[in-house]
């Protein structure tokens, strides 16, 4: 099952589900080496919080946090929301 929590107004659920799929596909492709075990997506109003459970967090964070900054930027482009 997917671990997602989001609240949608009438007509928004399809859009949020599509974003959810895009985020998961992007992260699984981008973080193949990080041994992902779980991705939790929470989307309250105009925001998006993504929690990544991984065995190799150093790959996700990167040197001095450089990789996590890149991931946040790309996720913001996908969702058009604050991540």
PDB file of N, CA and C in Angstrom:
ATOM      1  N   UNK A   1       0.834  -1.190   0.000  1.00  0.00           N
ATOM      2  CA  UNK A   1       0.000   0.000   0.000  1.00  0.00           C
ATOM      3  C   UNK A   1       0.873   1.245   0.000  1.00  0.00           C
ATOM      4  N   UNK A   2       0.297   2.295  -0.466  1.00  0.00           N
ATOM      5  CA  UNK A   2       1.023   3.552  -0.493  1.00  0.00           C
ATOM      6  C   UNK A   2       0.833   4.284   0.815  1.00  0.00           C
ATOM      7  N   UNK A   3       1.847   4.969   1.209  1.00  0.00           N
ATOM      8  CA  UNK A   3       1.790   5.774   2.422  1.00  0.00           C
ATOM      9  C   UNK A   3       1.632   7.228   2.017  1.00  0.00           C
ATOM     10  N   UNK A   4       0.390   7.648   1.879  1.00  0.00           N
ATOM     11  CA  UNK A   4       0.107   9.019   1.477  1.00  0.00           C
ATOM     12  C   UNK A   4      -0.997   9.587   2.340  1.00  0.00           C
ATOM     13  N   UNK A   5      -0.837  10.856   2.673  1.00  0.00           N
ATOM     14  CA  UNK A   5      -1.876  11.570   3.405  1.00  0.00           C
ATOM     15  C   UNK A   5      -2.036  12.925   2.752  1.00  0.00           C
ATOM     16  N   UNK A   6      -3.169  13.147   2.116  1.00  0.00           N
ATOM     17  CA  UNK A   6      -3.428  14.454   1.553  1.00  0.00           C
ATOM     18  C   UNK A   6      -4.910  14.749   1.598  1.00  0.00           C
ATOM     19  N   UNK A   7      -5.212  16.027   1.633  1.00  0.00           N
ATOM     20  CA  UNK A   7      -6.584  16.499   1.714  1.00  0.00           C
ATOM     21  C   UNK A   7      -6.886  17.248   0.431  1.00  0.00           C
ATOM     22  N   UNK A   8      -7.974  16.845  -0.222  1.00  0.00           N
ATOM     23  CA  UNK A   8      -8.289  17.431  -1.518  1.00  0.00           C
ATOM     24  C   UNK A   8      -9.681  18.043  -1.504  1.00  0.00           C
ATOM     25  N   UNK A   9      -9.788  19.200  -2.140  1.00  0.00           N
ATOM     26  CA  UNK A   9     -11.099  19.782  -2.376  1.00  0.00           C
ATOM     27  C   UNK A   9     -11.735  19.041  -3.545  1.00  0.00           C
ATOM     28  N   UNK A  10     -12.959  19.357  -3.830  1.00  0.00           N
ATOM     29  CA  UNK A  10     -13.665  18.712  -4.929  1.00  0.00           C
ATOM     30  C   UNK A  10     -12.892  18.899  -6.229  1.00  0.00           C
ATOM     31  N   UNK A  11     -12.619  17.815  -6.911  1.00  0.00           N
ATOM     32  CA  UNK A  11     -11.937  17.874  -8.196  1.00  0.00           C
ATOM     33  C   UNK A  11     -10.423  17.874  -8.124  1.00  0.00           C
ATOM     34  N   UNK A  12      -9.838  17.954  -6.948  1.00  0.00           N
ATOM     35  CA  UNK A  12      -8.381  17.986  -6.820  1.00  0.00           C
ATOM     36  C   UNK A  12      -7.758  16.621  -6.588  1.00  0.00           C
ATOM     37  N   UNK A  13      -8.538  15.634  -6.247  1.00  0.00           N
ATOM     38  CA  UNK A  13      -7.967  14.337  -5.868  1.00  0.00           C
ATOM     39  C   UNK A  13      -7.196  13.687  -7.014  1.00  0.00           C
ATOM     40  N   UNK A  14      -7.675  13.818  -8.234  1.00  0.00           N
ATOM     41  CA  UNK A  14      -6.959  13.258  -9.383  1.00  0.00           C
ATOM     42  C   UNK A  14      -5.598  13.907  -9.575  1.00  0.00           C
ATOM     43  N   UNK A  15      -5.551  15.217  -9.432  1.00  0.00           N
ATOM     44  CA  UNK A  15      -4.294  15.955  -9.574  1.00  0.00           C
ATOM     45  C   UNK A  15      -3.295  15.529  -8.499  1.00  0.00           C
ATOM     46  N   UNK A  16      -3.765  15.408  -7.262  1.00  0.00           N
ATOM     47  CA  UNK A  16      -2.879  15.015  -6.170  1.00  0.00           C
ATOM     48  C   UNK A  16      -2.396  13.578  -6.323  1.00  0.00           C
ATOM     49  N   UNK A  17      -3.257  12.708  -6.799  1.00  0.00           N
ATOM     50  CA  UNK A  17      -2.852  11.326  -7.032  1.00  0.00           C
ATOM     51  C   UNK A  17      -1.787  11.255  -8.128  1.00  0.00           C
ATOM     52  N   UNK A  18      -1.970  12.058  -9.175  1.00  0.00           N
ATOM     53  CA  UNK A  18      -0.985  12.106 -10.264  1.00  0.00           C
ATOM     54  C   UNK A  18       0.364  12.620  -9.755  1.00  0.00           C
ATOM     55  N   UNK A  19       0.346  13.669  -8.924  1.00  0.00           N
ATOM     56  CA  UNK A  19       1.578  14.187  -8.322  1.00  0.00           C
ATOM     57  C   UNK A  19       2.241  13.129  -7.454  1.00  0.00           C
ATOM     58  N   UNK A  20       1.435  12.399  -6.703  1.00  0.00           N
ATOM     59  CA  UNK A  20       1.930  11.342  -5.829  1.00  0.00           C
ATOM     60  C   UNK A  20       2.707  10.300  -6.639  1.00  0.00           C
ATOM     61  N   UNK A  21       2.134   9.882  -7.754  1.00  0.00           N
ATOM     62  CA  UNK A  21       2.787   8.891  -8.621  1.00  0.00           C
ATOM     63  C   UNK A  21       4.083   9.457  -9.196  1.00  0.00           C
ATOM     64  N   UNK A  22       4.049  10.715  -9.649  1.00  0.00           N
ATOM     65  CA  UNK A  22       5.251  11.354 -10.203  1.00  0.00           C
ATOM     66  C   UNK A  22       6.373  11.422  -9.170  1.00  0.00           C
ATOM     67  N   UNK A  23       6.037  11.801  -7.940  1.00  0.00           N
ATOM     68  CA  UNK A  23       7.036  11.910  -6.871  1.00  0.00           C
ATOM     69  C   UNK A  23       7.672  10.556  -6.607  1.00  0.00           C
ATOM     70  N   UNK A  24       6.848   9.524  -6.484  1.00  0.00           N
ATOM     71  CA  UNK A  24       7.369   8.182  -6.209  1.00  0.00           C
ATOM     72  C   UNK A  24       8.258   7.670  -7.343  1.00  0.00           C
ATOM     73  N   UNK A  25       7.826   7.876  -8.584  1.00  0.00           N
ATOM     74  CA  UNK A  25       8.638   7.434  -9.723  1.00  0.00           C
ATOM     75  C   UNK A  25       9.968   8.179  -9.759  1.00  0.00           C
ATOM     76  N   UNK A  26       9.925   9.490  -9.531  1.00  0.00           N
ATOM     77  CA  UNK A  26      11.140  10.296  -9.541  1.00  0.00           C
ATOM     78  C   UNK A  26      12.113   9.839  -8.460  1.00  0.00           C
ATOM     79  N   UNK A  27      11.614   9.671  -7.232  1.00  0.00           N
ATOM     80  CA  UNK A  27      12.496   9.299  -6.127  1.00  0.00           C
ATOM     81  C   UNK A  27      13.063   7.895  -6.294  1.00  0.00           C
ATOM     82  N   UNK A  28      12.251   6.953  -6.763  1.00  0.00           N
ATOM     83  CA  UNK A  28      12.779   5.590  -6.935  1.00  0.00           C
ATOM     84  C   UNK A  28      13.834   5.561  -8.027  1.00  0.00           C
ATOM     85  N   UNK A  29      13.661   6.356  -9.064  1.00  0.00           N
ATOM     86  CA  UNK A  29      14.664   6.394 -10.137  1.00  0.00           C
ATOM     87  C   UNK A  29      15.925   7.130  -9.676  1.00  0.00           C
ATOM     88  N   UNK A  30      15.735   8.259  -9.019  1.00  0.00           N
ATOM     89  CA  UNK A  30      16.860   9.106  -8.604  1.00  0.00           C
ATOM     90  C   UNK A  30      17.689   8.470  -7.485  1.00  0.00           C
ATOM     91  N   UNK A  31      17.044   7.716  -6.611  1.00  0.00           N
ATOM     92  CA  UNK A  31      17.717   7.187  -5.421  1.00  0.00           C
ATOM     93  C   UNK A  31      17.827   5.664  -5.448  1.00  0.00           C
ATOM     94  N   UNK A  32      18.172   5.120  -6.587  1.00  0.00           N
ATOM     95  CA  UNK A  32      18.314   3.661  -6.719  1.00  0.00           C
ATOM     96  C   UNK A  32      19.341   3.100  -5.746  1.00  0.00           C
ATOM     97  N   UNK A  33      20.433   3.802  -5.546  1.00  0.00           N
ATOM     98  CA  UNK A  33      21.535   3.325  -4.710  1.00  0.00           C
ATOM     99  C   UNK A  33      21.280   3.505  -3.211  1.00  0.00           C
ATOM    100  N   UNK A  34      20.200   4.185  -2.835  1.00  0.00           N
ATOM    101  CA  UNK A  34      19.982   4.535  -1.428  1.00  0.00           C
ATOM    102  C   UNK A  34      19.211   3.480  -0.639  1.00  0.00           C
ATOM    103  N   UNK A  35      18.828   2.385  -1.249  1.00  0.00           N
ATOM    104  CA  UNK A  35      18.088   1.302  -0.579  1.00  0.00           C
ATOM    105  C   UNK A  35      16.832   1.831   0.114  1.00  0.00           C
ATOM    106  N   UNK A  36      15.938   2.428  -0.673  1.00  0.00           N
ATOM    107  CA  UNK A  36      14.695   2.973  -0.138  1.00  0.00           C
ATOM    108  C   UNK A  36      13.803   1.861   0.388  1.00  0.00           C
ATOM    109  N   UNK A  37      13.207   2.086   1.549  1.00  0.00           N
ATOM    110  CA  UNK A  37      12.263   1.109   2.074  1.00  0.00           C
ATOM    111  C   UNK A  37      10.843   1.661   2.100  1.00  0.00           C
ATOM    112  N   UNK A  38      10.716   2.981   2.202  1.00  0.00           N
ATOM    113  CA  UNK A  38       9.389   3.561   2.331  1.00  0.00           C
ATOM    114  C   UNK A  38       9.436   5.042   1.966  1.00  0.00           C
ATOM    115  N   UNK A  39       8.389   5.515   1.289  1.00  0.00           N
ATOM    116  CA  UNK A  39       8.241   6.932   0.978  1.00  0.00           C
ATOM    117  C   UNK A  39       6.869   7.359   1.480  1.00  0.00           C
ATOM    118  N   UNK A  40       6.848   8.341   2.358  1.00  0.00           N
ATOM    119  CA  UNK A  40       5.592   8.853   2.909  1.00  0.00           C
ATOM    120  C   UNK A  40       5.392  10.264   2.373  1.00  0.00           C
ATOM    121  N   UNK A  41       4.230  10.509   1.768  1.00  0.00           N
ATOM    122  CA  UNK A  41       3.933  11.824   1.196  1.00  0.00           C
ATOM    123  C   UNK A  41       2.737  12.415   1.927  1.00  0.00           C
ATOM    124  N   UNK A  42       2.925  13.617   2.459  1.00  0.00           N
ATOM    125  CA  UNK A  42       1.848  14.346   3.121  1.00  0.00           C
ATOM    126  C   UNK A  42       1.664  15.658   2.376  1.00  0.00           C
ATOM    127  N   UNK A  43       0.436  15.956   1.998  1.00  0.00           N
ATOM    128  CA  UNK A  43       0.161  17.178   1.250  1.00  0.00           C
ATOM    129  C   UNK A  43      -0.957  17.978   1.892  1.00  0.00           C
ATOM    130  N   UNK A  44      -0.628  18.741   2.929  1.00  0.00           N
ATOM    131  CA  UNK A  44      -1.636  19.680   3.410  1.00  0.00           C
ATOM    132  C   UNK A  44      -1.758  20.822   2.395  1.00  0.00           C
ATOM    133  N   UNK A  45      -2.566  21.778   2.656  1.00  0.00           N
ATOM    134  CA  UNK A  45      -2.866  22.857   1.719  1.00  0.00           C
ATOM    135  C   UNK A  45      -1.607  23.553   1.188  1.00  0.00           C
ATOM    136  N   UNK A  46      -1.369  23.465  -0.128  1.00  0.00           N
ATOM    137  CA  UNK A  46      -0.275  24.131  -0.861  1.00  0.00           C
ATOM    138  C   UNK A  46       1.124  23.823  -0.343  1.00  0.00           C
ATOM    139  N   UNK A  47       1.291  22.689   0.312  1.00  0.00           N
ATOM    140  CA  UNK A  47       2.606  22.266   0.771  1.00  0.00           C
ATOM    141  C   UNK A  47       2.754  20.791   0.474  1.00  0.00           C
ATOM    142  N   UNK A  48       3.974  20.310   0.554  1.00  0.00           N
ATOM    143  CA  UNK A  48       4.215  18.888   0.339  1.00  0.00           C
ATOM    144  C   UNK A  48       5.377  18.464   1.229  1.00  0.00           C
ATOM    145  N   UNK A  49       5.134  17.448   2.043  1.00  0.00           N
ATOM    146  CA  UNK A  49       6.181  16.917   2.914  1.00  0.00           C
ATOM    147  C   UNK A  49       6.440  15.477   2.495  1.00  0.00           C
ATOM    148  N   UNK A  50       7.684  15.199   2.142  1.00  0.00           N
ATOM    149  CA  UNK A  50       8.068  13.857   1.717  1.00  0.00           C
ATOM    150  C   UNK A  50       9.058  13.307   2.738  1.00  0.00           C
ATOM    151  N   UNK A  51       8.728  12.168   3.328  1.00  0.00           N
ATOM    152  CA  UNK A  51       9.605  11.499   4.279  1.00  0.00           C
ATOM    153  C   UNK A  51      10.145  10.248   3.614  1.00  0.00           C
ATOM    154  N   UNK A  52      11.467  10.140   3.559  1.00  0.00           N
ATOM    155  CA  UNK A  52      12.117   9.018   2.885  1.00  0.00           C
ATOM    156  C   UNK A  52      12.787   8.139   3.936  1.00  0.00           C
ATOM    157  N   UNK A  53      12.426   6.871   3.949  1.00  0.00           N
ATOM    158  CA  UNK A  53      13.054   5.896   4.838  1.00  0.00           C
ATOM    159  C   UNK A  53      14.062   5.115   4.005  1.00  0.00           C
ATOM    160  N   UNK A  54      15.322   5.123   4.449  1.00  0.00           N
ATOM    161  CA  UNK A  54      16.382   4.517   3.658  1.00  0.00           C
ATOM    162  C   UNK A  54      17.450   3.916   4.561  1.00  0.00           C
ATOM    163  N   UNK A  55      18.117   2.896   4.040  1.00  0.00           N
ATOM    164  CA  UNK A  55      19.227   2.286   4.771  1.00  0.00           C
ATOM    165  C   UNK A  55      20.515   3.078   4.569  1.00  0.00           C
ATOM    166  N   UNK A  56      20.567   3.878   3.512  1.00  0.00           N
ATOM    167  CA  UNK A  56      21.792   4.616   3.193  1.00  0.00           C
ATOM    168  C   UNK A  56      21.483   6.110   3.060  1.00  0.00           C
ATOM    169  N   UNK A  57      21.300   6.763   4.184  1.00  0.00           N
ATOM    170  CA  UNK A  57      20.902   8.169   4.176  1.00  0.00           C
ATOM    171  C   UNK A  57      21.979   9.103   3.644  1.00  0.00           C
ATOM    172  N   UNK A  58      23.223   8.706   3.753  1.00  0.00           N
ATOM    173  CA  UNK A  58      24.318   9.542   3.261  1.00  0.00           C
ATOM    174  C   UNK A  58      24.209   9.824   1.775  1.00  0.00           C
ATOM    175  N   UNK A  59      23.697   8.874   1.019  1.00  0.00           N
ATOM    176  CA  UNK A  59      23.522   9.066  -0.422  1.00  0.00           C
ATOM    177  C   UNK A  59      22.440  10.109  -0.683  1.00  0.00           C
ATOM    178  N   UNK A  60      21.400  10.102   0.122  1.00  0.00           N
ATOM    179  CA  UNK A  60      20.305  11.051  -0.057  1.00  0.00           C
ATOM    180  C   UNK A  60      20.737  12.456   0.334  1.00  0.00           C
ATOM    181  N   UNK A  61      21.428  12.587   1.456  1.00  0.00           N
ATOM    182  CA  UNK A  61      21.831  13.900   1.954  1.00  0.00           C
ATOM    183  C   UNK A  61      22.976  14.478   1.134  1.00  0.00           C
ATOM    184  N   UNK A  62      23.952  13.660   0.805  1.00  0.00           N
ATOM    185  CA  UNK A  62      25.082  14.121   0.013  1.00  0.00           C
ATOM    186  C   UNK A  62      26.100  14.886   0.835  1.00  0.00           C
ATOM    187  N   UNK A  63      27.139  15.343   0.164  1.00  0.00           N
ATOM    188  CA  UNK A  63      28.215  16.083   0.807  1.00  0.00           C
ATOM    189  C   UNK A  63      27.724  17.469   1.217  1.00  0.00           C
ATOM    190  N   UNK A  64      27.712  17.745   2.501  1.00  0.00           N
ATOM    191  CA  UNK A  64      27.265  19.017   3.070  1.00  0.00           C
ATOM    192  C   UNK A  64      25.821  19.349   2.687  1.00  0.00           C
ATOM    193  N   UNK A  65      24.997  18.326   2.459  1.00  0.00           N
ATOM    194  CA  UNK A  65      23.583  18.541   2.160  1.00  0.00           C
ATOM    195  C   UNK A  65      23.283  18.946   0.735  1.00  0.00           C
ATOM    196  N   UNK A  66      24.254  18.817  -0.157  1.00  0.00           N
ATOM    197  CA  UNK A  66      24.069  19.266  -1.534  1.00  0.00           C
ATOM    198  C   UNK A  66      23.001  18.460  -2.274  1.00  0.00           C
ATOM    199  N   UNK A  67      22.971  17.161  -2.067  1.00  0.00           N
ATOM    200  CA  UNK A  67      22.012  16.315  -2.785  1.00  0.00           C
ATOM    201  C   UNK A  67      20.578  16.560  -2.330  1.00  0.00           C
ATOM    202  N   UNK A  68      20.385  16.783  -1.052  1.00  0.00           N
ATOM    203  CA  UNK A  68      19.027  17.015  -0.548  1.00  0.00           C
ATOM    204  C   UNK A  68      18.480  18.335  -1.077  1.00  0.00           C
ATOM    205  N   UNK A  69      19.343  19.319  -1.263  1.00  0.00           N
ATOM    206  CA  UNK A  69      18.914  20.603  -1.825  1.00  0.00           C
ATOM    207  C   UNK A  69      18.452  20.405  -3.268  1.00  0.00           C
ATOM    208  N   UNK A  70      19.193  19.608  -4.035  1.00  0.00           N
ATOM    209  CA  UNK A  70      18.805  19.315  -5.419  1.00  0.00           C
ATOM    210  C   UNK A  70      17.472  18.576  -5.467  1.00  0.00           C
ATOM    211  N   UNK A  71      17.301  17.594  -4.574  1.00  0.00           N
ATOM    212  CA  UNK A  71      16.044  16.845  -4.535  1.00  0.00           C
ATOM    213  C   UNK A  71      14.867  17.759  -4.201  1.00  0.00           C
ATOM    214  N   UNK A  72      15.047  18.644  -3.229  1.00  0.00           N
ATOM    215  CA  UNK A  72      13.972  19.572  -2.860  1.00  0.00           C
ATOM    216  C   UNK A  72      13.585  20.457  -4.034  1.00  0.00           C
ATOM    217  N   UNK A  73      14.579  20.942  -4.755  1.00  0.00           N
ATOM    218  CA  UNK A  73      14.303  21.818  -5.894  1.00  0.00           C
ATOM    219  C   UNK A  73      13.514  21.069  -6.965  1.00  0.00           C
ATOM    220  N   UNK A  74      13.932  19.854  -7.282  1.00  0.00           N
ATOM    221  CA  UNK A  74      13.236  19.073  -8.304  1.00  0.00           C
ATOM    222  C   UNK A  74      11.823  18.703  -7.856  1.00  0.00           C
ATOM    223  N   UNK A  75      11.661  18.373  -6.573  1.00  0.00           N
ATOM    224  CA  UNK A  75      10.329  18.051  -6.063  1.00  0.00           C
ATOM    225  C   UNK A  75       9.415  19.275  -6.088  1.00  0.00           C
ATOM    226  N   UNK A  76       9.960  20.444  -5.826  1.00  0.00           N
ATOM    227  CA  UNK A  76       9.164  21.671  -5.900  1.00  0.00           C
ATOM    228  C   UNK A  76       8.689  21.924  -7.323  1.00  0.00           C
ATOM    229  N   UNK A  77       9.533  21.600  -8.304  1.00  0.00           N
ATOM    230  CA  UNK A  77       9.141  21.754  -9.702  1.00  0.00           C
ATOM    231  C   UNK A  77       8.030  20.773 -10.071  1.00  0.00           C
ATOM    232  N   UNK A  78       8.106  19.559  -9.556  1.00  0.00           N
ATOM    233  CA  UNK A  78       7.088  18.549  -9.855  1.00  0.00           C
ATOM    234  C   UNK A  78       5.746  18.927  -9.235  1.00  0.00           C
ATOM    235  N   UNK A  79       5.763  19.392  -7.993  1.00  0.00           N
ATOM    236  CA  UNK A  79       4.517  19.619  -7.256  1.00  0.00           C
ATOM    237  C   UNK A  79       3.999  21.049  -7.304  1.00  0.00           C
ATOM    238  N   UNK A  80       4.813  22.002  -7.686  1.00  0.00           N
ATOM    239  CA  UNK A  80       4.445  23.421  -7.622  1.00  0.00           C
ATOM    240  C   UNK A  80       4.003  23.815  -6.214  1.00  0.00           C
ATOM    241  N   UNK A  81       4.694  23.269  -5.214  1.00  0.00           N
ATOM    242  CA  UNK A  81       4.370  23.557  -3.811  1.00  0.00           C
ATOM    243  C   UNK A  81       5.662  23.633  -3.014  1.00  0.00           C
ATOM    244  N   UNK A  82       5.568  24.154  -1.802  1.00  0.00           N
ATOM    245  CA  UNK A  82       6.722  24.173  -0.902  1.00  0.00           C
ATOM    246  C   UNK A  82       6.991  22.753  -0.434  1.00  0.00           C
ATOM    247  N   UNK A  83       8.258  22.313  -0.530  1.00  0.00           N
ATOM    248  CA  UNK A  83       8.600  20.966  -0.065  1.00  0.00           C
ATOM    249  C   UNK A  83       9.533  21.058   1.112  1.00  0.00           C
TER     250      UNK A  83
END
